[in-house]
């Protein structure tokens, strides 16, 4: 199995689902800001992980070998395993469709 990269289709799909699931809340809460400009979701490759950031802060780490997603304690330091990349992508998509975002 090859290691995940920041441009891997599964990472890109996760970033899109995550970004769209938070759009409604952001636009209701911050009407003077532009969501796509002020809260971008970005993947950054690290040695062992792909760091997934929102704006300027880190939120998730994805293990490049397994695709497991972790919350973070501090930037670059994994905390709790949250599930697989595919499972979390599906949860974000489901939340968006259900209007829970």
N, C-alpha and C. Protein backbone atom coordinates (compact mmCIF):
# COMPACT_ATOMS: atom_id res chain seq x y z
N UNK A 1 0.84 -1.19 0.00
CA UNK A 1 0.00 0.00 0.00
C UNK A 1 0.88 1.25 0.00
N UNK A 2 0.57 2.20 -0.84
CA UNK A 2 1.35 3.44 -0.89
C UNK A 2 0.85 4.41 0.17
N UNK A 3 1.71 5.33 0.54
CA UNK A 3 1.36 6.33 1.55
C UNK A 3 0.45 7.39 0.96
N UNK A 4 -0.48 7.87 1.77
CA UNK A 4 -1.35 8.97 1.36
C UNK A 4 -0.53 10.24 1.18
N UNK A 5 -0.96 11.06 0.25
CA UNK A 5 -0.33 12.37 0.05
C UNK A 5 -1.40 13.45 0.25
N UNK A 6 -0.97 14.68 0.32
CA UNK A 6 -1.90 15.80 0.49
C UNK A 6 -2.84 15.94 -0.70
N UNK A 7 -2.44 15.43 -1.86
CA UNK A 7 -3.27 15.52 -3.07
C UNK A 7 -4.05 14.25 -3.38
N UNK A 8 -4.00 13.27 -2.50
CA UNK A 8 -4.72 12.02 -2.71
C UNK A 8 -6.23 12.31 -2.84
N UNK A 9 -6.93 11.64 -3.76
CA UNK A 9 -8.37 11.90 -3.93
C UNK A 9 -9.18 11.74 -2.64
N UNK A 10 -8.81 10.80 -1.78
CA UNK A 10 -9.57 10.63 -0.53
C UNK A 10 -9.37 11.81 0.41
N UNK A 11 -8.18 12.41 0.42
CA UNK A 11 -7.92 13.61 1.23
C UNK A 11 -8.69 14.79 0.66
N UNK A 12 -8.64 14.96 -0.65
CA UNK A 12 -9.35 16.06 -1.31
C UNK A 12 -10.85 15.96 -1.07
N UNK A 13 -11.39 14.74 -1.15
CA UNK A 13 -12.82 14.53 -0.90
C UNK A 13 -13.18 14.85 0.54
N UNK A 14 -12.33 14.43 1.50
CA UNK A 14 -12.58 14.73 2.91
C UNK A 14 -12.58 16.24 3.14
N UNK A 15 -11.58 16.95 2.59
CA UNK A 15 -11.52 18.40 2.77
C UNK A 15 -12.77 19.09 2.23
N UNK A 16 -13.25 18.64 1.07
CA UNK A 16 -14.45 19.23 0.47
C UNK A 16 -15.67 18.98 1.35
N UNK A 17 -15.83 17.75 1.85
CA UNK A 17 -16.98 17.42 2.71
C UNK A 17 -16.92 18.21 4.01
N UNK A 18 -15.76 18.28 4.61
CA UNK A 18 -15.56 19.03 5.86
C UNK A 18 -15.87 20.50 5.64
N UNK A 19 -15.34 21.07 4.57
CA UNK A 19 -15.54 22.48 4.26
C UNK A 19 -17.02 22.80 4.07
N UNK A 20 -17.70 22.02 3.27
CA UNK A 20 -19.11 22.30 2.98
C UNK A 20 -20.01 22.07 4.20
N UNK A 21 -19.64 21.12 5.06
CA UNK A 21 -20.48 20.85 6.23
C UNK A 21 -20.46 22.01 7.22
N UNK A 22 -19.43 22.84 7.21
CA UNK A 22 -19.33 23.97 8.14
C UNK A 22 -19.79 25.29 7.53
N UNK A 23 -20.12 25.29 6.25
CA UNK A 23 -20.48 26.52 5.56
C UNK A 23 -21.69 27.22 6.20
N UNK A 24 -22.77 26.50 6.44
CA UNK A 24 -23.99 27.10 6.97
C UNK A 24 -23.77 27.81 8.29
N UNK A 25 -23.11 27.14 9.23
CA UNK A 25 -22.84 27.74 10.54
C UNK A 25 -21.99 28.99 10.39
N UNK A 26 -20.92 28.90 9.59
CA UNK A 26 -20.02 30.04 9.41
C UNK A 26 -20.77 31.23 8.83
N UNK A 27 -21.54 31.00 7.79
CA UNK A 27 -22.23 32.11 7.13
C UNK A 27 -23.33 32.71 8.00
N UNK A 28 -23.96 31.91 8.86
CA UNK A 28 -24.94 32.46 9.81
C UNK A 28 -24.25 33.27 10.90
N UNK A 29 -23.08 32.83 11.34
CA UNK A 29 -22.39 33.45 12.47
C UNK A 29 -21.52 34.63 12.10
N UNK A 30 -20.97 34.63 10.89
CA UNK A 30 -20.01 35.66 10.50
C UNK A 30 -20.41 36.26 9.15
N UNK A 31 -21.46 37.03 9.15
CA UNK A 31 -22.01 37.55 7.89
C UNK A 31 -21.07 38.52 7.18
N UNK A 32 -20.14 39.12 7.89
CA UNK A 32 -19.23 40.07 7.25
C UNK A 32 -18.01 39.40 6.62
N UNK A 33 -17.84 38.10 6.83
CA UNK A 33 -16.69 37.38 6.29
C UNK A 33 -17.09 36.52 5.10
N UNK A 34 -16.11 36.15 4.30
CA UNK A 34 -16.32 35.29 3.14
C UNK A 34 -15.77 33.91 3.49
N UNK A 35 -16.64 32.92 3.57
CA UNK A 35 -16.26 31.58 4.06
C UNK A 35 -15.11 30.96 3.28
N UNK A 36 -15.20 30.94 1.97
CA UNK A 36 -14.16 30.28 1.17
C UNK A 36 -12.80 30.95 1.32
N UNK A 37 -12.77 32.22 1.58
CA UNK A 37 -11.52 32.94 1.75
C UNK A 37 -11.01 32.87 3.19
N UNK A 38 -11.92 33.01 4.16
CA UNK A 38 -11.53 33.16 5.55
C UNK A 38 -11.46 31.86 6.35
N UNK A 39 -11.93 30.76 5.80
CA UNK A 39 -11.86 29.49 6.52
C UNK A 39 -11.51 28.34 5.56
N UNK A 40 -10.38 28.45 4.87
CA UNK A 40 -10.02 27.39 3.93
C UNK A 40 -9.60 26.12 4.67
N UNK A 41 -9.83 24.99 4.04
CA UNK A 41 -9.39 23.70 4.57
C UNK A 41 -8.20 23.26 3.71
N UNK A 42 -7.07 22.97 4.35
CA UNK A 42 -5.83 22.70 3.64
C UNK A 42 -5.18 21.42 4.17
N UNK A 43 -4.57 20.64 3.29
CA UNK A 43 -3.81 19.45 3.67
C UNK A 43 -2.33 19.75 3.50
N UNK A 44 -1.54 19.39 4.53
CA UNK A 44 -0.10 19.59 4.50
C UNK A 44 0.58 18.26 4.82
N UNK A 45 1.47 17.84 3.95
CA UNK A 45 2.16 16.57 4.16
C UNK A 45 3.23 16.70 5.23
N UNK A 46 3.25 15.73 6.11
CA UNK A 46 4.30 15.58 7.12
C UNK A 46 4.93 14.22 6.90
N UNK A 47 5.91 13.88 7.69
CA UNK A 47 6.59 12.60 7.51
C UNK A 47 5.64 11.42 7.71
N UNK A 48 4.93 11.39 8.84
CA UNK A 48 4.06 10.26 9.16
C UNK A 48 2.58 10.57 8.91
N UNK A 49 2.21 11.84 8.94
CA UNK A 49 0.82 12.25 8.85
C UNK A 49 0.60 13.25 7.72
N UNK A 50 -0.66 13.39 7.35
CA UNK A 50 -1.11 14.52 6.55
C UNK A 50 -1.89 15.39 7.54
N UNK A 51 -1.43 16.62 7.75
CA UNK A 51 -2.10 17.54 8.66
C UNK A 51 -3.24 18.22 7.91
N UNK A 52 -4.42 18.22 8.50
CA UNK A 52 -5.59 18.87 7.90
C UNK A 52 -5.91 20.10 8.75
N UNK A 53 -5.79 21.26 8.12
CA UNK A 53 -5.92 22.53 8.83
C UNK A 53 -7.14 23.30 8.37
N UNK A 54 -7.69 24.08 9.28
CA UNK A 54 -8.79 24.99 8.97
C UNK A 54 -8.30 26.40 9.25
N UNK A 55 -8.27 27.23 8.23
CA UNK A 55 -7.70 28.57 8.40
C UNK A 55 -6.23 28.44 8.74
N UNK A 56 -5.83 28.95 9.88
CA UNK A 56 -4.42 28.87 10.28
C UNK A 56 -4.18 27.85 11.37
N UNK A 57 -5.22 27.12 11.80
CA UNK A 57 -5.06 26.17 12.89
C UNK A 57 -5.20 24.72 12.46
N UNK A 58 -4.48 23.86 13.14
CA UNK A 58 -4.57 22.43 12.87
C UNK A 58 -5.78 21.82 13.55
N UNK A 59 -6.42 20.86 12.87
CA UNK A 59 -7.61 20.22 13.41
C UNK A 59 -7.46 18.70 13.45
N UNK A 60 -7.00 18.11 12.35
CA UNK A 60 -6.89 16.65 12.24
C UNK A 60 -5.51 16.25 11.73
N UNK A 61 -5.15 15.00 12.06
CA UNK A 61 -3.98 14.35 11.47
C UNK A 61 -4.45 13.04 10.87
N UNK A 62 -4.02 12.74 9.65
CA UNK A 62 -4.35 11.49 8.98
C UNK A 62 -3.07 10.68 8.86
N UNK A 63 -3.08 9.48 9.41
CA UNK A 63 -1.92 8.59 9.29
C UNK A 63 -1.74 8.24 7.81
N UNK A 64 -0.60 8.54 7.26
CA UNK A 64 -0.37 8.34 5.83
C UNK A 64 -0.39 6.86 5.45
N UNK A 65 -0.05 5.97 6.37
CA UNK A 65 0.01 4.54 6.05
C UNK A 65 -1.34 3.85 6.18
N UNK A 66 -2.15 4.26 7.16
CA UNK A 66 -3.41 3.54 7.45
C UNK A 66 -4.67 4.30 7.06
N UNK A 67 -4.61 5.62 6.95
CA UNK A 67 -5.80 6.42 6.67
C UNK A 67 -6.62 6.71 7.91
N UNK A 68 -6.11 6.37 9.10
CA UNK A 68 -6.81 6.68 10.34
C UNK A 68 -6.70 8.18 10.63
N UNK A 69 -7.79 8.76 11.13
CA UNK A 69 -7.84 10.19 11.42
C UNK A 69 -7.79 10.39 12.93
N UNK A 70 -6.97 11.35 13.36
CA UNK A 70 -6.81 11.65 14.78
C UNK A 70 -7.12 13.12 15.05
N UNK A 71 -7.68 13.38 16.23
CA UNK A 71 -7.74 14.77 16.69
C UNK A 71 -6.32 15.12 17.13
N UNK A 72 -6.06 16.37 17.46
CA UNK A 72 -4.71 16.74 17.84
C UNK A 72 -4.67 17.32 19.24
N UNK A 73 -3.52 17.11 19.93
CA UNK A 73 -3.26 17.73 21.23
C UNK A 73 -2.64 19.10 21.02
N UNK A 74 -1.67 19.12 20.16
CA UNK A 74 -0.97 20.34 19.76
C UNK A 74 -0.63 20.13 18.29
N UNK A 75 -0.26 21.18 17.59
CA UNK A 75 -0.04 21.03 16.16
C UNK A 75 0.98 19.93 15.89
N UNK A 76 0.57 18.92 15.13
CA UNK A 76 1.44 17.81 14.77
C UNK A 76 1.50 16.69 15.77
N UNK A 77 0.75 16.79 16.87
CA UNK A 77 0.77 15.76 17.90
C UNK A 77 -0.61 15.10 17.97
N UNK A 78 -0.71 13.82 17.59
CA UNK A 78 -2.03 13.16 17.58
C UNK A 78 -2.57 12.95 18.99
N UNK A 79 -3.89 12.93 19.09
CA UNK A 79 -4.55 12.69 20.36
C UNK A 79 -5.41 11.43 20.24
N UNK A 80 -6.69 11.58 19.96
CA UNK A 80 -7.63 10.46 19.89
C UNK A 80 -7.87 10.03 18.46
N UNK A 81 -7.99 8.72 18.25
CA UNK A 81 -8.37 8.21 16.93
C UNK A 81 -9.86 8.46 16.76
N UNK A 82 -10.25 9.08 15.65
CA UNK A 82 -11.64 9.42 15.40
C UNK A 82 -12.32 8.46 14.43
N UNK A 83 -11.54 7.71 13.68
CA UNK A 83 -12.09 6.78 12.70
C UNK A 83 -11.27 6.81 11.43
N UNK A 84 -11.78 6.15 10.42
CA UNK A 84 -11.07 6.13 9.13
C UNK A 84 -11.45 7.36 8.32
N UNK A 85 -10.63 7.67 7.36
CA UNK A 85 -10.85 8.81 6.48
C UNK A 85 -12.18 8.66 5.74
N UNK A 86 -12.46 7.48 5.23
CA UNK A 86 -13.70 7.23 4.49
C UNK A 86 -14.93 7.39 5.40
N UNK A 87 -14.86 6.88 6.63
CA UNK A 87 -15.99 6.99 7.56
C UNK A 87 -16.28 8.45 7.91
N UNK A 88 -15.24 9.21 8.19
CA UNK A 88 -15.45 10.62 8.55
C UNK A 88 -15.95 11.44 7.37
N UNK A 89 -15.47 11.13 6.18
CA UNK A 89 -15.97 11.81 4.99
C UNK A 89 -17.47 11.56 4.85
N UNK A 90 -17.88 10.31 5.03
CA UNK A 90 -19.30 9.95 4.93
C UNK A 90 -20.12 10.67 6.01
N UNK A 91 -19.58 10.78 7.21
CA UNK A 91 -20.30 11.48 8.29
C UNK A 91 -20.50 12.96 7.97
N UNK A 92 -19.45 13.60 7.45
CA UNK A 92 -19.58 15.01 7.07
C UNK A 92 -20.60 15.18 5.95
N UNK A 93 -20.57 14.30 4.96
CA UNK A 93 -21.54 14.37 3.85
C UNK A 93 -22.96 14.17 4.38
N UNK A 94 -23.15 13.18 5.26
CA UNK A 94 -24.47 12.91 5.83
C UNK A 94 -24.99 14.10 6.63
N UNK A 95 -24.12 14.72 7.42
CA UNK A 95 -24.51 15.87 8.22
C UNK A 95 -24.93 17.04 7.32
N UNK A 96 -24.21 17.22 6.24
CA UNK A 96 -24.53 18.30 5.31
C UNK A 96 -25.88 18.04 4.66
N UNK A 97 -26.12 16.83 4.22
CA UNK A 97 -27.38 16.48 3.57
C UNK A 97 -28.56 16.61 4.54
N UNK A 98 -28.34 16.21 5.78
CA UNK A 98 -29.40 16.27 6.78
C UNK A 98 -29.63 17.69 7.30
N UNK A 99 -28.76 18.60 6.93
CA UNK A 99 -28.92 19.99 7.37
C UNK A 99 -28.49 20.24 8.79
N UNK A 100 -27.64 19.35 9.32
CA UNK A 100 -27.17 19.52 10.69
C UNK A 100 -25.93 20.40 10.77
N UNK A 101 -25.46 20.85 9.63
CA UNK A 101 -24.24 21.66 9.64
C UNK A 101 -24.56 23.09 10.00
